[in-house]
Amino acid sequence: MANVNLDMVGRASGDTVFITGLGSAVVGPMAARAITAGRDRLTVLREADLERLHPGQGFDEDRSDHANFRRRGIPSVHFFTGPHDDYHTTTDDAQRLNYDTLWKISRATLRVVRALADAPARSFTPRARER
């Protein structure tokens, strides 16, 4: 009915997270309310910010698992904290994680998943190329 994707969320800079899919007519409003309902404050950046900061990289549309769901009309919310130089290397160690922000992102994700799970099934009408 909907997809929630967490991709590279452990290496946040400060309390910043990219959350894409909030503009989706299907899941965006539910997800946005759930994210802001928590006591933890995250600096949320959206698709336009992701493209502005990482032009032409395709992090939202090409390089993550949720892209295939969206191509098939399944709405998706994508959490991402950005690329880093240690990606897929032996230097990508646990001590480099931002545990405080990872915890905030985890709680926000839980609220989003609960909101989507509690929504009536009729709320999820797949649309081609949902963002």
N, C-alpha and C. Protein backbone atom coordinates (compact mmCIF):
# COMPACT_ATOMS: atom_id res chain seq x y z
N MET A 1 0.82 -1.20 0.00
CA MET A 1 0.00 0.00 0.00
C MET A 1 0.86 1.26 0.00
N ALA A 2 1.97 1.20 0.72
CA ALA A 2 2.91 2.32 0.77
C ALA A 2 4.27 1.76 1.17
N ASN A 3 5.29 2.51 0.88
CA ASN A 3 6.66 2.10 1.18
C ASN A 3 7.31 3.17 2.04
N VAL A 4 8.04 2.75 3.06
CA VAL A 4 8.85 3.65 3.87
C VAL A 4 10.28 3.13 3.77
N ASN A 5 11.18 3.98 3.31
CA ASN A 5 12.56 3.58 3.05
C ASN A 5 13.52 4.42 3.87
N LEU A 6 14.41 3.77 4.58
CA LEU A 6 15.50 4.44 5.29
C LEU A 6 16.78 4.04 4.57
N ASP A 7 17.49 5.03 4.07
CA ASP A 7 18.70 4.77 3.30
C ASP A 7 19.80 5.69 3.81
N MET A 8 20.85 5.09 4.35
CA MET A 8 22.00 5.85 4.83
C MET A 8 21.58 6.93 5.82
N VAL A 9 20.92 6.55 6.90
CA VAL A 9 20.44 7.53 7.86
C VAL A 9 21.33 7.66 9.09
N GLY A 10 22.39 6.92 9.19
CA GLY A 10 23.21 6.94 10.39
C GLY A 10 24.25 8.04 10.48
N ARG A 11 24.59 8.63 9.36
CA ARG A 11 25.68 9.60 9.34
C ARG A 11 25.17 11.02 9.16
N ALA A 12 24.12 11.36 9.87
CA ALA A 12 23.52 12.69 9.76
C ALA A 12 24.49 13.77 10.18
N SER A 13 24.35 14.91 9.53
CA SER A 13 25.08 16.11 9.92
C SER A 13 24.16 16.91 10.83
N GLY A 14 24.49 16.98 12.09
CA GLY A 14 23.59 17.65 13.03
C GLY A 14 22.30 16.87 13.16
N ASP A 15 21.19 17.57 13.09
CA ASP A 15 19.88 16.92 13.19
C ASP A 15 19.14 16.96 11.86
N THR A 16 19.90 17.00 10.76
CA THR A 16 19.31 17.17 9.44
C THR A 16 19.06 15.82 8.76
N VAL A 17 17.88 15.72 8.16
CA VAL A 17 17.51 14.54 7.39
C VAL A 17 16.72 14.98 6.16
N PHE A 18 17.01 14.36 5.03
CA PHE A 18 16.20 14.56 3.83
C PHE A 18 15.02 13.60 3.95
N ILE A 19 13.82 14.12 3.76
CA ILE A 19 12.64 13.25 3.72
C ILE A 19 11.91 13.57 2.43
N THR A 20 11.90 12.63 1.54
CA THR A 20 11.22 12.83 0.27
C THR A 20 9.92 12.04 0.26
N GLY A 21 9.01 12.46 -0.59
CA GLY A 21 7.70 11.86 -0.65
C GLY A 21 6.65 12.64 0.13
N LEU A 22 7.06 13.69 0.83
CA LEU A 22 6.11 14.48 1.61
C LEU A 22 5.17 15.28 0.70
N GLY A 23 5.56 15.45 -0.56
CA GLY A 23 4.70 16.13 -1.51
C GLY A 23 3.65 15.21 -2.14
N SER A 24 3.71 13.93 -1.82
CA SER A 24 2.77 12.97 -2.35
C SER A 24 1.36 13.24 -1.83
N ALA A 25 0.42 13.29 -2.73
CA ALA A 25 -0.97 13.50 -2.32
C ALA A 25 -1.48 12.33 -1.49
N VAL A 26 -0.91 11.15 -1.69
CA VAL A 26 -1.38 9.95 -1.01
C VAL A 26 -0.84 9.85 0.42
N VAL A 27 0.47 9.91 0.59
CA VAL A 27 1.06 9.71 1.92
C VAL A 27 1.68 10.96 2.53
N GLY A 28 1.89 11.98 1.75
CA GLY A 28 2.58 13.18 2.23
C GLY A 28 1.97 13.82 3.46
N PRO A 29 0.67 14.15 3.44
CA PRO A 29 0.08 14.80 4.60
C PRO A 29 0.14 13.95 5.87
N MET A 30 -0.13 12.65 5.75
CA MET A 30 -0.06 11.76 6.91
C MET A 30 1.36 11.72 7.47
N ALA A 31 2.32 11.57 6.57
CA ALA A 31 3.72 11.47 7.00
C ALA A 31 4.19 12.78 7.62
N ALA A 32 3.85 13.90 7.01
CA ALA A 32 4.28 15.20 7.53
C ALA A 32 3.73 15.44 8.93
N ARG A 33 2.46 15.11 9.15
CA ARG A 33 1.87 15.27 10.49
C ARG A 33 2.57 14.37 11.50
N ALA A 34 2.85 13.15 11.10
CA ALA A 34 3.50 12.20 12.01
C ALA A 34 4.91 12.66 12.37
N ILE A 35 5.62 13.19 11.42
CA ILE A 35 6.99 13.64 11.67
C ILE A 35 7.02 14.79 12.66
N THR A 36 6.12 15.74 12.49
CA THR A 36 6.12 16.92 13.36
C THR A 36 5.43 16.67 14.70
N ALA A 37 4.76 15.53 14.85
CA ALA A 37 4.04 15.24 16.09
C ALA A 37 4.98 14.86 17.24
N GLY A 38 6.19 14.50 16.96
CA GLY A 38 7.10 14.06 18.00
C GLY A 38 7.75 15.21 18.75
N ARG A 39 8.28 14.90 19.89
CA ARG A 39 8.96 15.93 20.70
C ARG A 39 10.36 16.20 20.18
N ASP A 40 10.92 15.24 19.45
CA ASP A 40 12.25 15.43 18.87
C ASP A 40 12.15 16.35 17.67
N ARG A 41 13.04 17.27 17.57
CA ARG A 41 13.04 18.16 16.42
C ARG A 41 14.15 17.75 15.46
N LEU A 42 13.73 17.55 14.23
CA LEU A 42 14.64 17.26 13.14
C LEU A 42 14.58 18.42 12.16
N THR A 43 15.69 18.72 11.53
CA THR A 43 15.70 19.68 10.44
C THR A 43 15.40 18.86 9.19
N VAL A 44 14.21 19.04 8.64
CA VAL A 44 13.75 18.24 7.50
C VAL A 44 13.99 19.01 6.21
N LEU A 45 14.73 18.39 5.32
CA LEU A 45 14.94 18.92 3.98
C LEU A 45 14.18 18.03 3.01
N ARG A 46 13.69 18.63 1.92
CA ARG A 46 12.85 17.90 0.97
C ARG A 46 13.57 17.65 -0.36
N GLU A 47 12.82 17.17 -1.35
CA GLU A 47 13.39 16.82 -2.66
C GLU A 47 14.19 17.95 -3.27
N ALA A 48 13.64 19.14 -3.26
CA ALA A 48 14.32 20.28 -3.90
C ALA A 48 15.66 20.55 -3.22
N ASP A 49 15.70 20.40 -1.90
CA ASP A 49 16.96 20.60 -1.17
C ASP A 49 17.97 19.52 -1.53
N LEU A 50 17.50 18.29 -1.66
CA LEU A 50 18.38 17.18 -2.01
C LEU A 50 19.00 17.42 -3.39
N GLU A 51 18.19 17.83 -4.34
CA GLU A 51 18.69 18.09 -5.69
C GLU A 51 19.62 19.30 -5.71
N ARG A 52 19.29 20.32 -4.93
CA ARG A 52 20.13 21.52 -4.88
C ARG A 52 21.51 21.21 -4.28
N LEU A 53 21.54 20.41 -3.23
CA LEU A 53 22.80 20.10 -2.56
C LEU A 53 23.60 19.00 -3.25
N HIS A 54 22.90 18.14 -3.99
CA HIS A 54 23.57 17.02 -4.69
C HIS A 54 23.02 16.93 -6.12
N PRO A 55 23.27 17.96 -6.94
CA PRO A 55 22.66 18.01 -8.28
C PRO A 55 23.06 16.82 -9.15
N GLY A 56 22.04 16.28 -9.82
CA GLY A 56 22.27 15.22 -10.79
C GLY A 56 22.65 13.87 -10.21
N GLN A 57 22.62 13.72 -8.89
CA GLN A 57 23.03 12.46 -8.28
C GLN A 57 21.94 11.40 -8.29
N GLY A 58 20.68 11.80 -8.41
CA GLY A 58 19.59 10.83 -8.46
C GLY A 58 19.36 10.07 -7.16
N PHE A 59 19.71 10.66 -6.03
CA PHE A 59 19.53 9.96 -4.76
C PHE A 59 18.08 9.64 -4.48
N ASP A 60 17.16 10.47 -4.93
CA ASP A 60 15.76 10.20 -4.64
C ASP A 60 15.09 9.36 -5.71
N GLU A 61 15.46 9.49 -6.94
CA GLU A 61 14.73 8.80 -8.00
C GLU A 61 15.44 7.59 -8.60
N ASP A 62 16.73 7.49 -8.45
CA ASP A 62 17.42 6.41 -9.15
C ASP A 62 18.22 5.49 -8.24
N ARG A 63 18.75 6.01 -7.15
CA ARG A 63 19.76 5.28 -6.40
C ARG A 63 19.28 4.68 -5.09
N SER A 64 18.01 4.54 -4.90
CA SER A 64 17.52 3.96 -3.65
C SER A 64 16.34 3.03 -3.93
N ASP A 65 16.08 2.17 -2.98
CA ASP A 65 15.08 1.11 -3.17
C ASP A 65 13.66 1.59 -3.39
N HIS A 66 13.31 2.74 -2.86
CA HIS A 66 11.93 3.22 -3.00
C HIS A 66 11.59 3.64 -4.42
N ALA A 67 12.59 3.91 -5.26
CA ALA A 67 12.34 4.40 -6.61
C ALA A 67 11.47 3.44 -7.42
N ASN A 68 11.72 2.15 -7.29
CA ASN A 68 10.92 1.18 -8.05
C ASN A 68 9.48 1.12 -7.55
N PHE A 69 9.26 1.34 -6.27
CA PHE A 69 7.88 1.40 -5.77
C PHE A 69 7.16 2.58 -6.41
N ARG A 70 7.81 3.75 -6.40
CA ARG A 70 7.17 4.94 -6.97
C ARG A 70 6.90 4.77 -8.45
N ARG A 71 7.82 4.16 -9.16
CA ARG A 71 7.60 3.94 -10.61
C ARG A 71 6.36 3.10 -10.87
N ARG A 72 6.00 2.27 -9.92
CA ARG A 72 4.82 1.41 -10.07
C ARG A 72 3.58 2.03 -9.42
N GLY A 73 3.68 3.31 -9.02
CA GLY A 73 2.53 4.00 -8.48
C GLY A 73 2.30 3.78 -6.99
N ILE A 74 3.25 3.14 -6.31
CA ILE A 74 3.13 2.91 -4.87
C ILE A 74 3.80 4.08 -4.15
N PRO A 75 3.05 4.82 -3.35
CA PRO A 75 3.62 5.99 -2.69
C PRO A 75 4.71 5.59 -1.69
N SER A 76 5.68 6.48 -1.53
CA SER A 76 6.82 6.16 -0.68
C SER A 76 7.31 7.40 0.06
N VAL A 77 7.76 7.17 1.29
CA VAL A 77 8.44 8.20 2.08
C VAL A 77 9.87 7.70 2.26
N HIS A 78 10.82 8.56 1.95
CA HIS A 78 12.24 8.18 1.94
C HIS A 78 13.02 9.06 2.91
N PHE A 79 13.69 8.44 3.88
CA PHE A 79 14.56 9.12 4.83
C PHE A 79 16.00 8.90 4.39
N PHE A 80 16.80 9.98 4.36
CA PHE A 80 18.17 9.91 3.84
C PHE A 80 18.97 11.04 4.46
N THR A 81 20.18 10.78 4.91
CA THR A 81 20.97 11.85 5.50
C THR A 81 22.13 12.30 4.62
N GLY A 82 22.20 11.77 3.43
CA GLY A 82 23.21 12.25 2.49
C GLY A 82 24.39 11.30 2.33
N PRO A 83 25.12 11.49 1.26
CA PRO A 83 26.27 10.63 0.99
C PRO A 83 27.45 10.97 1.90
N HIS A 84 28.39 10.04 1.97
CA HIS A 84 29.62 10.29 2.71
C HIS A 84 30.76 9.52 2.06
N ASP A 85 31.97 9.94 2.33
CA ASP A 85 33.14 9.37 1.68
C ASP A 85 33.42 7.91 2.05
N ASP A 86 32.86 7.44 3.16
CA ASP A 86 33.13 6.07 3.60
C ASP A 86 32.12 5.06 3.07
N TYR A 87 31.18 5.50 2.24
CA TYR A 87 30.14 4.62 1.73
C TYR A 87 30.75 3.38 1.06
N HIS A 88 30.33 2.22 1.54
CA HIS A 88 30.78 0.92 1.03
C HIS A 88 32.30 0.74 1.12
N THR A 89 32.89 1.27 2.17
CA THR A 89 34.32 1.05 2.38
C THR A 89 34.53 0.44 3.76
N THR A 90 35.73 -0.02 4.00
CA THR A 90 36.06 -0.62 5.30
C THR A 90 36.16 0.42 6.40
N THR A 91 36.16 1.71 6.05
CA THR A 91 36.24 2.76 7.05
C THR A 91 34.87 3.24 7.52
N ASP A 92 33.81 2.63 7.03
CA ASP A 92 32.45 3.00 7.43
C ASP A 92 32.12 2.26 8.73
N ASP A 93 32.62 2.79 9.83
CA ASP A 93 32.54 2.15 11.14
C ASP A 93 31.46 2.76 12.03
N ALA A 94 31.06 1.99 13.03
CA ALA A 94 29.98 2.39 13.94
C ALA A 94 30.30 3.67 14.70
N GLN A 95 31.55 3.94 14.99
CA GLN A 95 31.87 5.15 15.75
C GLN A 95 31.62 6.42 14.94
N ARG A 96 31.39 6.30 13.66
CA ARG A 96 31.12 7.45 12.81
C ARG A 96 29.62 7.81 12.77
N LEU A 97 28.79 6.97 13.38
CA LEU A 97 27.35 7.22 13.37
C LEU A 97 26.98 8.36 14.31
N ASN A 98 25.93 9.07 13.93
CA ASN A 98 25.37 10.12 14.76
C ASN A 98 24.16 9.49 15.47
N TYR A 99 24.42 8.89 16.62
CA TYR A 99 23.39 8.12 17.31
C TYR A 99 22.23 8.97 17.79
N ASP A 100 22.47 10.19 18.21
CA ASP A 100 21.37 11.05 18.68
C ASP A 100 20.37 11.29 17.56
N THR A 101 20.86 11.67 16.39
CA THR A 101 19.95 11.94 15.28
C THR A 101 19.37 10.65 14.73
N LEU A 102 20.13 9.58 14.71
CA LEU A 102 19.61 8.29 14.27
C LEU A 102 18.43 7.87 15.14
N TRP A 103 18.51 8.12 16.43
CA TRP A 103 17.41 7.83 17.34
C TRP A 103 16.19 8.69 17.01
N LYS A 104 16.39 9.98 16.73
CA LYS A 104 15.28 10.86 16.36
C LYS A 104 14.64 10.40 15.05
N ILE A 105 15.46 10.03 14.08
CA ILE A 105 14.94 9.55 12.80
C ILE A 105 14.15 8.26 13.00
N SER A 106 14.65 7.38 13.85
CA SER A 106 13.96 6.12 14.13
C SER A 106 12.58 6.36 14.73
N ARG A 107 12.50 7.29 15.67
CA ARG A 107 11.20 7.59 16.28
C ARG A 107 10.26 8.25 15.27
N ALA A 108 10.78 9.14 14.44
CA ALA A 108 9.94 9.76 13.40
C ALA A 108 9.44 8.69 12.43
N THR A 109 10.30 7.76 12.07
CA THR A 109 9.91 6.69 11.16
C THR A 109 8.81 5.83 11.78
N LEU A 110 8.95 5.53 13.05
CA LEU A 110 7.92 4.75 13.74
C LEU A 110 6.57 5.47 13.67
N ARG A 111 6.57 6.77 13.90
CA ARG A 111 5.32 7.53 13.83
C ARG A 111 4.73 7.50 12.42
N VAL A 112 5.59 7.61 11.40
CA VAL A 112 5.10 7.56 10.01
C VAL A 112 4.51 6.19 9.71
N VAL A 113 5.20 5.14 10.08
CA VAL A 113 4.70 3.78 9.81
C VAL A 113 3.37 3.55 10.53
N ARG A 114 3.28 3.99 11.77
CA ARG A 114 2.01 3.84 12.50
C ARG A 114 0.88 4.62 11.83
N ALA A 115 1.16 5.84 11.41
CA ALA A 115 0.13 6.66 10.75
C ALA A 115 -0.34 5.98 9.47
N LEU A 116 0.57 5.46 8.69
CA LEU A 116 0.20 4.79 7.45
C LEU A 116 -0.56 3.50 7.74
N ALA A 117 -0.12 2.75 8.74
CA ALA A 117 -0.79 1.48 9.09
C ALA A 117 -2.20 1.71 9.62
N ASP A 118 -2.39 2.82 10.32
CA ASP A 118 -3.70 3.12 10.89
C ASP A 118 -4.67 3.78 9.91
N ALA A 119 -4.17 4.20 8.77
CA ALA A 119 -5.02 4.88 7.79
C ALA A 119 -5.95 3.87 7.11
N PRO A 120 -7.14 4.32 6.74
CA PRO A 120 -8.05 3.42 6.02
C PRO A 120 -7.44 3.00 4.68
N ALA A 121 -7.70 1.78 4.29
CA ALA A 121 -7.13 1.24 3.04
C ALA A 121 -7.47 2.12 1.84
N ARG A 122 -8.64 2.74 1.86
CA ARG A 122 -9.05 3.58 0.73
C ARG A 122 -8.16 4.81 0.57
N SER A 123 -7.35 5.11 1.58
CA SER A 123 -6.43 6.25 1.50
C SER A 123 -5.31 6.00 0.49
N PHE A 124 -5.09 4.75 0.16
CA PHE A 124 -3.95 4.39 -0.68
C PHE A 124 -4.42 3.96 -2.06
N THR A 125 -4.57 4.93 -2.92
CA THR A 125 -4.89 4.65 -4.31
C THR A 125 -3.63 4.93 -5.09
N PRO A 126 -2.93 3.88 -5.52
CA PRO A 126 -1.67 4.12 -6.24
C PRO A 126 -1.86 5.02 -7.45
N ARG A 127 -0.92 5.91 -7.63
CA ARG A 127 -0.93 6.82 -8.77
C ARG A 127 0.42 6.66 -9.48
N ALA A 128 0.40 6.75 -10.77
CA ALA A 128 1.64 6.63 -11.53
C ALA A 128 2.63 7.71 -11.12
N ARG A 129 3.87 7.31 -10.92
CA ARG A 129 5.00 8.23 -10.63
C ARG A 129 4.74 9.13 -9.44
N GLU A 130 4.29 8.57 -8.33
CA GLU A 130 4.11 9.36 -7.10
C GLU A 130 5.46 9.88 -6.65
N ARG A 131 5.51 11.09 -6.09
CA ARG A 131 6.73 11.67 -5.54
C ARG A 131 6.58 11.82 -4.06
